[in-house]
Amino acid sequence: MPRAVTREVRRLGLDIESTVEAGLRGTPDYVQLAHAHSQGRVMVTADVDFRRLHNAGQEHSGIAYSPGRPRSIGEIVEMLVLVHASYTAEEMVGRLEWL
């Protein structure tokens, strides 16, 4: 996700940590997903590999998946705010939510 998404979501008061901030840039996707799960965080991604990990049964605290088509920063932020308002942390566990 673009850094601008992280900045804007944080500005709106949501707790967010980027892969870079977590020190996980370049690590395998399953490691990133496991880290997010250990922190109780929802993974926000456009990477189809995370959808594959979900389908393979890897445990996670939720995946907000934005498939291929280009979206503006505002659209992504708006959808993330909507997901945050619509589901509790418990409801997101193991859930793949398409943005």
C-alpha atoms as a PDB file:
ATOM      1  CA  MET A   1       0.000   0.000   0.000  1.00  0.00           C
ATOM      2  CA  PRO A   2       1.226   3.523  -0.660  1.00  0.00           C
ATOM      3  CA  ARG A   3       2.729   5.403   2.293  1.00  0.00           C
ATOM      4  CA  ALA A   4       0.026   8.037   1.834  1.00  0.00           C
ATOM      5  CA  VAL A   5      -2.578   5.451   2.880  1.00  0.00           C
ATOM      6  CA  THR A   6      -0.691   4.833   6.125  1.00  0.00           C
ATOM      7  CA  ARG A   7      -0.378   8.567   6.826  1.00  0.00           C
ATOM      8  CA  GLU A   8      -4.034   9.316   6.093  1.00  0.00           C
ATOM      9  CA  VAL A   9      -5.432   6.376   8.055  1.00  0.00           C
ATOM     10  CA  ARG A  10      -3.214   7.318  10.993  1.00  0.00           C
ATOM     11  CA  ARG A  11      -4.345  10.952  10.720  1.00  0.00           C
ATOM     12  CA  LEU A  12      -7.924   9.702  11.053  1.00  0.00           C
ATOM     13  CA  GLY A  13      -7.018   8.061  14.342  1.00  0.00           C
ATOM     14  CA  LEU A  14      -6.708   4.413  13.319  1.00  0.00           C
ATOM     15  CA  ASP A  15      -3.798   2.367  14.628  1.00  0.00           C
ATOM     16  CA  ILE A  16      -1.715   1.243  11.652  1.00  0.00           C
ATOM     17  CA  GLU A  17       1.789  -0.131  11.159  1.00  0.00           C
ATOM     18  CA  SER A  18       3.407  -0.481   7.757  1.00  0.00           C
ATOM     19  CA  THR A  19       5.567  -3.424   6.744  1.00  0.00           C
ATOM     20  CA  VAL A  20       8.550  -1.072   6.632  1.00  0.00           C
ATOM     21  CA  GLU A  21       7.825   0.249  10.146  1.00  0.00           C
ATOM     22  CA  ALA A  22       7.597  -3.343  11.405  1.00  0.00           C
ATOM     23  CA  GLY A  23      11.023  -4.072   9.885  1.00  0.00           C
ATOM     24  CA  LEU A  24       9.542  -6.745   7.612  1.00  0.00           C
ATOM     25  CA  ARG A  25      10.192  -5.344   4.158  1.00  0.00           C
ATOM     26  CA  GLY A  26      11.395  -8.129   1.894  1.00  0.00           C
ATOM     27  CA  THR A  27      10.346 -10.939   4.236  1.00  0.00           C
ATOM     28  CA  PRO A  28       8.091 -13.733   2.954  1.00  0.00           C
ATOM     29  CA  ASP A  29       4.376 -13.012   2.943  1.00  0.00           C
ATOM     30  CA  TYR A  30       3.611 -15.764   5.460  1.00  0.00           C
ATOM     31  CA  VAL A  31       6.040 -14.109   7.920  1.00  0.00           C
ATOM     32  CA  GLN A  32       4.363 -10.729   7.459  1.00  0.00           C
ATOM     33  CA  LEU A  33       0.918 -12.269   7.970  1.00  0.00           C
ATOM     34  CA  ALA A  34       2.088 -14.139  11.075  1.00  0.00           C
ATOM     35  CA  HIS A  35       3.545 -10.906  12.486  1.00  0.00           C
ATOM     36  CA  ALA A  36       0.290  -9.035  11.888  1.00  0.00           C
ATOM     37  CA  HIS A  37      -1.588 -11.890  13.567  1.00  0.00           C
ATOM     38  CA  SER A  38       0.732 -11.833  16.591  1.00  0.00           C
ATOM     39  CA  GLN A  39      -0.033  -8.110  16.941  1.00  0.00           C
ATOM     40  CA  GLY A  40      -3.789  -8.544  16.396  1.00  0.00           C
ATOM     41  CA  ARG A  41      -3.574  -6.468  13.221  1.00  0.00           C
ATOM     42  CA  VAL A  42      -5.478  -6.741   9.967  1.00  0.00           C
ATOM     43  CA  MET A  43      -3.225  -7.071   6.920  1.00  0.00           C
ATOM     44  CA  VAL A  44      -4.051  -4.506   4.227  1.00  0.00           C
ATOM     45  CA  THR A  45      -2.789  -5.607   0.832  1.00  0.00           C
ATOM     46  CA  ALA A  46      -3.242  -5.770  -2.912  1.00  0.00           C
ATOM     47  CA  ASP A  47      -0.973  -8.833  -3.107  1.00  0.00           C
ATOM     48  CA  VAL A  48      -2.842 -11.946  -4.256  1.00  0.00           C
ATOM     49  CA  ASP A  49      -0.407 -14.123  -2.277  1.00  0.00           C
ATOM     50  CA  PHE A  50      -2.135 -13.092   0.952  1.00  0.00           C
ATOM     51  CA  ARG A  51      -5.440 -14.296  -0.475  1.00  0.00           C
ATOM     52  CA  ARG A  52      -3.722 -17.591  -1.253  1.00  0.00           C
ATOM     53  CA  LEU A  53      -2.422 -17.838   2.317  1.00  0.00           C
ATOM     54  CA  HIS A  54      -5.959 -17.227   3.589  1.00  0.00           C
ATOM     55  CA  ASN A  55      -7.329 -19.931   1.269  1.00  0.00           C
ATOM     56  CA  ALA A  56      -4.592 -22.321   2.448  1.00  0.00           C
ATOM     57  CA  GLY A  57      -5.768 -21.884   6.031  1.00  0.00           C
ATOM     58  CA  GLN A  58      -2.998 -19.748   7.550  1.00  0.00           C
ATOM     59  CA  GLU A  59      -4.263 -18.168  10.750  1.00  0.00           C
ATOM     60  CA  HIS A  60      -4.579 -14.394  10.654  1.00  0.00           C
ATOM     61  CA  SER A  61      -6.316 -11.473  12.319  1.00  0.00           C
ATOM     62  CA  GLY A  62      -7.987 -10.452   9.077  1.00  0.00           C
ATOM     63  CA  ILE A  63      -7.014  -9.439   5.583  1.00  0.00           C
ATOM     64  CA  ALA A  64      -8.369  -6.356   3.832  1.00  0.00           C
ATOM     65  CA  TYR A  65      -7.721  -7.193   0.197  1.00  0.00           C
ATOM     66  CA  SER A  66      -7.761  -4.622  -2.589  1.00  0.00           C
ATOM     67  CA  PRO A  67      -7.526  -6.536  -5.872  1.00  0.00           C
ATOM     68  CA  GLY A  68      -5.718  -5.404  -8.997  1.00  0.00           C
ATOM     69  CA  ARG A  69      -7.632  -2.405 -10.287  1.00  0.00           C
ATOM     70  CA  PRO A  70      -6.020   0.949  -9.496  1.00  0.00           C
ATOM     71  CA  ARG A  71      -7.676   2.939  -6.736  1.00  0.00           C
ATOM     72  CA  SER A  72      -7.033   6.401  -5.427  1.00  0.00           C
ATOM     73  CA  ILE A  73      -5.569   6.950  -1.971  1.00  0.00           C
ATOM     74  CA  GLY A  74      -8.907   8.422  -0.920  1.00  0.00           C
ATOM     75  CA  GLU A  75     -10.830   5.343  -2.096  1.00  0.00           C
ATOM     76  CA  ILE A  76      -8.555   2.979  -0.207  1.00  0.00           C
ATOM     77  CA  VAL A  77      -8.706   5.079   2.963  1.00  0.00           C
ATOM     78  CA  GLU A  78     -12.495   5.344   2.725  1.00  0.00           C
ATOM     79  CA  MET A  79     -12.832   1.567   2.388  1.00  0.00           C
ATOM     80  CA  LEU A  80     -10.491   0.920   5.318  1.00  0.00           C
ATOM     81  CA  VAL A  81     -12.452   3.306   7.519  1.00  0.00           C
ATOM     82  CA  LEU A  82     -15.651   1.507   6.494  1.00  0.00           C
ATOM     83  CA  VAL A  83     -14.189  -1.917   7.342  1.00  0.00           C
ATOM     84  CA  HIS A  84     -12.971  -0.572  10.689  1.00  0.00           C
ATOM     85  CA  ALA A  85     -16.435   0.795  11.476  1.00  0.00           C
ATOM     86  CA  SER A  86     -18.237  -2.349  10.286  1.00  0.00           C
ATOM     87  CA  TYR A  87     -16.355  -5.151  12.045  1.00  0.00           C
ATOM     88  CA  THR A  88     -14.907  -5.714  15.473  1.00  0.00           C
ATOM     89  CA  ALA A  89     -11.405  -7.103  15.813  1.00  0.00           C
ATOM     90  CA  GLU A  90     -12.932 -10.451  16.766  1.00  0.00           C
ATOM     91  CA  GLU A  91     -15.133 -10.470  13.653  1.00  0.00           C
ATOM     92  CA  MET A  92     -12.118  -9.846  11.418  1.00  0.00           C
ATOM     93  CA  VAL A  93     -10.134 -12.845  12.709  1.00  0.00           C
ATOM     94  CA  GLY A  94      -9.809 -15.292   9.837  1.00  0.00           C
ATOM     95  CA  ARG A  95     -11.839 -13.026   7.545  1.00  0.00           C
ATOM     96  CA  LEU A  96     -10.828 -11.937   4.042  1.00  0.00           C
ATOM     97  CA  GLU A  97     -12.606  -8.656   3.298  1.00  0.00           C
ATOM     98  CA  TRP A  98     -12.527  -7.448  -0.306  1.00  0.00           C
ATOM     99  CA  LEU A  99     -12.119  -3.695  -0.669  1.00  0.00           C
END
